[in-house]
Amino acid sequence: MIAVCLVVAFSVTGDDCPLARAARETGVPIDARPSQLRTDDNALLQFSAPAPDTAGHRDAGRAEEFEEFEEFEAEDRSVDPARYGPVAETLDADDRVRYLHGAFAGDRVEFRCLSKRPCVVHALSDAGFMVESIRYDPDGEHHRGAVVGYDVLQGVLSVGADRSDVGDVDIAVERVHPLGATEGDTAGARRWSITSAQEAALRTALEMGYFAVPRGTDASEVAAALGVSKSAFLERLRRGHRALLEQVL
């Protein structure tokens, strides 16, 4: 049987990799591409941050880039990180970062560097997470990508508890839905990998007191509210229950 491919978004808190720390200390969000982990456990990072408003570089264009490159070649082969804003200054002071490079690209600065500390995303990838994008915010980070099957999803979620090398991190699912879910699906259906009809059955039953003790309504009344037969309601309820339990337990 072919396992379902799930599109997943995770939130991560407690990460102490250089990019997570820089976002936390500066209050500046950082958008990162999937990093590359070398065999020596150093990671090649590519990321971007907003260009500093006060640096006068937003409209400088490529001419200033060439001028800066000439200065770099002619003088001491270094550029003051303050030119690139607080993220560059913070990373330049981090002894885990090597070969930091920045270049202005419109209203953002594109960075590259070598990190001596692997990020949490590498542990997530080891567990089966196929990362597409990462955003480091001051209050945590957000990873988007995919996993194949619910067993892999559970393995990814357990990384924080199973991997001592990533530190004391907390990993939580923000959204999950099967690859190819339709635009008509509700947010709840996409998040919990159930159909919109199953979500409607569960939500209506809950609102009408079907799950209350003692029960506030019966299956026939909920089915009538949904405009379906009693057997159709019970089948949607059963399938929705099963899908939720498979993801939670």
Protein backbone atom coordinates (compact mmCIF):
# COMPACT_ATOMS: atom_id res chain seq x y z
CA MET A 1 0.00 0.00 0.00
CA ILE A 2 1.27 3.48 -0.90
CA ALA A 3 1.47 5.76 2.15
CA VAL A 4 -0.23 9.15 2.03
CA CYS A 5 2.02 12.17 1.52
CA LEU A 6 1.23 14.82 4.11
CA VAL A 7 1.95 18.51 3.75
CA VAL A 8 3.06 19.66 7.21
CA ALA A 9 3.90 22.89 9.01
CA PHE A 10 5.77 22.68 12.32
CA SER A 11 6.54 25.27 14.96
CA VAL A 12 9.78 24.87 16.91
CA THR A 13 10.76 26.66 20.12
CA GLY A 14 13.93 26.33 22.16
CA ASP A 15 16.33 25.99 19.22
CA ASP A 16 19.73 27.59 19.85
CA CYS A 17 21.25 27.37 16.37
CA PRO A 18 22.84 30.61 15.08
CA LEU A 19 19.84 31.71 12.99
CA ALA A 20 17.32 31.02 15.76
CA ARG A 21 19.45 32.94 18.24
CA ALA A 22 19.96 35.86 15.83
CA ALA A 23 16.21 36.22 15.23
CA ARG A 24 15.52 36.01 18.95
CA GLU A 25 18.17 38.56 19.96
CA THR A 26 17.54 41.10 17.19
CA GLY A 27 13.77 40.78 16.82
CA VAL A 28 14.28 40.49 13.04
CA PRO A 29 12.59 37.61 11.14
CA ILE A 30 14.88 35.48 8.97
CA ASP A 31 13.77 33.44 5.94
CA ALA A 32 16.01 30.46 5.19
CA ARG A 33 16.38 27.92 2.44
CA PRO A 34 16.92 24.24 3.36
CA SER A 35 20.47 24.06 4.67
CA GLN A 36 23.09 21.54 3.59
CA LEU A 37 24.79 19.41 6.23
CA ARG A 38 28.38 18.44 5.39
CA THR A 39 30.08 15.23 6.46
CA ASP A 40 32.06 17.20 9.07
CA ASP A 41 28.72 18.24 10.69
CA ASN A 42 29.14 21.85 9.58
CA ALA A 43 26.08 23.29 7.85
CA LEU A 44 25.98 25.56 4.80
CA LEU A 45 23.27 28.17 5.39
CA GLN A 46 21.48 30.43 2.88
CA PHE A 47 19.02 32.94 4.27
CA SER A 48 17.76 36.51 4.01
CA ALA A 49 16.61 39.32 6.29
CA PRO A 50 15.17 42.80 5.75
CA ALA A 51 17.75 45.38 4.74
CA PRO A 52 18.43 47.98 7.46
CA ASP A 53 16.24 51.05 6.93
CA THR A 54 18.93 53.47 8.05
CA ALA A 55 21.79 52.12 5.95
CA GLY A 56 20.76 53.88 2.73
CA HIS A 57 21.10 50.70 0.65
CA ARG A 58 17.51 49.96 -0.40
CA ASP A 59 17.82 51.89 -3.68
CA ALA A 60 21.55 51.72 -4.10
CA GLY A 61 21.37 49.20 -6.92
CA ARG A 62 24.20 47.10 -8.29
CA ALA A 63 26.68 50.00 -8.65
CA GLU A 64 27.27 50.09 -4.91
CA GLU A 65 27.68 46.33 -4.85
CA PHE A 66 30.53 46.58 -7.36
CA GLU A 67 32.06 49.48 -5.42
CA GLU A 68 31.88 47.45 -2.22
CA PHE A 69 33.46 44.46 -3.95
CA GLU A 70 36.36 46.66 -5.13
CA GLU A 71 36.88 47.87 -1.55
CA PHE A 72 36.83 44.27 -0.38
CA GLU A 73 39.50 43.28 -2.88
CA ALA A 74 41.72 46.34 -2.47
CA GLU A 75 41.80 46.74 1.30
CA ASP A 76 41.49 44.14 4.05
CA ARG A 77 39.11 41.71 2.36
CA SER A 78 36.47 42.42 5.00
CA VAL A 79 33.32 44.54 5.23
CA ASP A 80 31.83 46.02 8.40
CA PRO A 81 28.86 43.76 9.29
CA ALA A 82 26.95 46.82 10.57
CA ARG A 83 26.35 47.73 6.91
CA TYR A 84 24.06 44.72 6.66
CA GLY A 85 22.06 45.30 9.84
CA PRO A 86 21.67 43.68 13.27
CA VAL A 87 21.37 40.11 11.98
CA ALA A 88 24.81 40.37 10.37
CA GLU A 89 26.30 41.91 13.51
CA THR A 90 24.87 39.18 15.74
CA LEU A 91 26.05 36.37 13.47
CA ASP A 92 29.48 37.95 13.04
CA ALA A 93 29.88 37.87 16.83
CA ASP A 94 28.78 34.21 17.05
CA ASP A 95 31.88 32.00 17.24
CA ARG A 96 29.90 29.14 15.69
CA VAL A 97 29.62 31.02 12.38
CA ARG A 98 32.33 31.17 9.70
CA TYR A 99 32.64 32.82 6.27
CA LEU A 100 29.65 35.13 6.66
CA HIS A 101 28.79 36.87 3.38
CA GLY A 102 26.04 39.40 2.69
CA ALA A 103 24.73 41.08 -0.46
CA PHE A 104 21.91 43.60 -0.91
CA ALA A 105 19.01 42.41 -3.07
CA GLY A 106 16.31 45.08 -3.24
CA ASP A 107 14.85 45.57 0.22
CA ARG A 108 16.53 42.46 1.64
CA VAL A 109 20.01 41.19 2.40
CA GLU A 110 20.95 37.73 1.12
CA PHE A 111 23.35 35.89 3.40
CA ARG A 112 25.50 32.79 3.21
CA CYS A 113 27.67 31.30 5.92
CA LEU A 114 29.05 28.12 7.43
CA SER A 115 27.61 27.07 10.79
CA LYS A 116 29.55 24.82 13.14
CA ARG A 117 26.30 23.86 14.87
CA PRO A 118 23.68 21.84 12.92
CA CYS A 119 20.15 23.21 13.15
CA VAL A 120 17.04 21.36 14.35
CA VAL A 121 15.93 21.01 10.74
CA HIS A 122 18.71 18.47 10.16
CA ALA A 123 17.33 16.23 12.91
CA LEU A 124 13.85 16.63 11.41
CA SER A 125 15.23 15.62 8.01
CA ASP A 126 16.91 12.57 9.55
CA ALA A 127 13.47 11.54 10.84
CA GLY A 128 11.91 11.85 7.38
CA PHE A 129 10.83 15.48 7.05
CA MET A 130 11.30 16.93 3.54
CA VAL A 131 11.79 20.62 4.25
CA GLU A 132 10.69 23.31 1.80
CA SER A 133 11.05 26.53 3.76
CA ILE A 134 12.08 27.80 7.20
CA ARG A 135 11.27 31.07 8.91
CA TYR A 136 13.00 32.12 12.11
CA ASP A 137 10.87 34.56 14.11
CA PRO A 138 11.81 36.18 17.43
CA ASP A 139 9.36 33.90 19.27
CA GLY A 140 10.23 30.66 17.46
CA GLU A 141 10.66 29.10 14.06
CA HIS A 142 8.31 27.67 11.46
CA HIS A 143 9.14 24.79 9.13
CA ARG A 144 7.08 23.81 6.08
CA GLY A 145 7.47 20.66 4.03
CA ALA A 146 6.15 17.11 3.74
CA VAL A 147 6.32 13.65 5.27
CA VAL A 148 5.23 10.29 3.88
CA GLY A 149 2.80 8.57 6.23
CA TYR A 150 1.58 9.11 9.78
CA ASP A 151 4.30 6.92 11.29
CA VAL A 152 6.95 9.24 9.87
CA LEU A 153 5.01 12.24 11.17
CA GLN A 154 5.06 10.79 14.69
CA GLY A 155 8.80 10.15 14.37
CA VAL A 156 9.41 13.76 13.38
CA LEU A 157 7.35 15.02 16.31
CA SER A 158 9.41 12.93 18.73
CA VAL A 159 12.74 14.45 17.63
CA GLY A 160 12.78 16.88 20.54
CA ALA A 161 12.54 14.03 23.05
CA ASP A 162 14.70 11.48 21.22
CA ARG A 163 17.64 13.61 20.04
CA SER A 164 19.82 15.05 22.81
CA ASP A 165 22.02 16.84 20.26
CA VAL A 166 19.26 19.31 19.33
CA GLY A 167 18.87 20.63 22.87
CA ASP A 168 15.65 21.27 24.75
CA VAL A 169 13.30 21.99 21.85
CA ASP A 170 9.54 21.73 21.56
CA ILE A 171 8.06 20.68 18.21
CA ALA A 172 4.35 21.09 17.46
CA VAL A 173 2.18 20.64 14.38
CA GLU A 174 0.64 23.85 13.06
CA ARG A 175 -1.08 22.31 10.03
CA VAL A 176 -1.23 18.96 8.29
CA HIS A 177 -3.23 17.84 5.27
CA PRO A 178 -2.83 15.31 2.46
CA LEU A 179 -0.95 16.48 -0.61
CA GLY A 180 -3.48 17.59 -3.20
CA ALA A 181 -6.23 18.64 -0.77
CA THR A 182 -8.77 20.80 -2.60
CA GLU A 183 -9.26 24.51 -2.05
CA GLY A 184 -12.82 23.82 -0.90
CA ASP A 185 -11.63 21.94 2.16
CA THR A 186 -11.97 23.87 5.42
CA ALA A 187 -8.99 24.74 7.60
CA GLY A 188 -9.97 22.05 10.09
CA ALA A 189 -10.25 19.41 7.38
CA ARG A 190 -6.82 20.31 5.97
CA ARG A 191 -5.18 20.37 9.39
CA TRP A 192 -6.49 17.00 10.56
CA SER A 193 -6.60 15.14 7.25
CA ILE A 194 -10.36 14.57 7.30
CA THR A 195 -12.93 15.43 4.67
CA SER A 196 -15.09 18.52 4.94
CA ALA A 197 -18.15 16.26 5.31
CA GLN A 198 -16.52 14.41 8.20
CA GLU A 199 -15.58 17.69 9.87
CA ALA A 200 -19.16 18.95 9.50
CA ALA A 201 -20.49 15.74 11.06
CA LEU A 202 -18.09 15.99 14.01
CA ARG A 203 -18.60 19.70 14.55
CA THR A 204 -22.41 19.55 14.32
CA ALA A 205 -22.57 16.54 16.64
CA LEU A 206 -20.40 18.38 19.17
CA GLU A 207 -22.44 21.58 18.99
CA MET A 208 -25.75 19.70 19.37
CA GLY A 209 -24.56 17.78 22.43
CA TYR A 210 -24.21 14.36 20.81
CA PHE A 211 -21.00 13.70 22.77
CA ALA A 212 -22.33 15.08 26.06
CA VAL A 213 -23.04 12.85 29.07
CA PRO A 214 -25.94 12.39 29.22
CA ARG A 215 -26.33 12.74 25.45
CA GLY A 216 -28.20 15.91 24.47
CA THR A 217 -29.39 14.66 21.10
CA ASP A 218 -29.49 11.49 19.01
CA ALA A 219 -28.03 10.49 15.66
CA SER A 220 -31.30 11.06 13.80
CA GLU A 221 -31.50 14.69 14.94
CA VAL A 222 -27.89 15.41 13.98
CA ALA A 223 -28.41 13.74 10.60
CA ALA A 224 -31.49 15.88 10.02
CA ALA A 225 -29.52 19.03 10.84
CA LEU A 226 -26.89 17.98 8.29
CA GLY A 227 -29.49 17.06 5.70
CA VAL A 228 -28.26 13.46 5.34
CA SER A 229 -29.48 10.04 6.36
CA LYS A 230 -28.76 8.63 9.80
CA SER A 231 -26.51 5.93 8.32
CA ALA A 232 -24.54 8.52 6.31
CA PHE A 233 -24.00 10.63 9.42
CA LEU A 234 -22.83 7.66 11.49
CA GLU A 235 -20.43 6.56 8.74
CA ARG A 236 -18.91 10.04 8.47
CA LEU A 237 -18.63 10.18 12.25
CA ARG A 238 -16.88 6.81 12.36
CA ARG A 239 -14.41 7.70 9.61
CA GLY A 240 -13.72 11.10 11.12
CA HIS A 241 -13.11 9.57 14.55
CA ARG A 242 -10.70 7.04 13.11
CA ALA A 243 -8.72 9.67 11.17
CA LEU A 244 -8.38 11.89 14.23
CA LEU A 245 -7.33 9.06 16.53
CA GLU A 246 -4.71 7.81 14.05
CA GLN A 247 -3.07 11.25 14.14
CA VAL A 248 -3.37 11.90 17.86
CA LEU A 249 -2.57 8.53 19.44
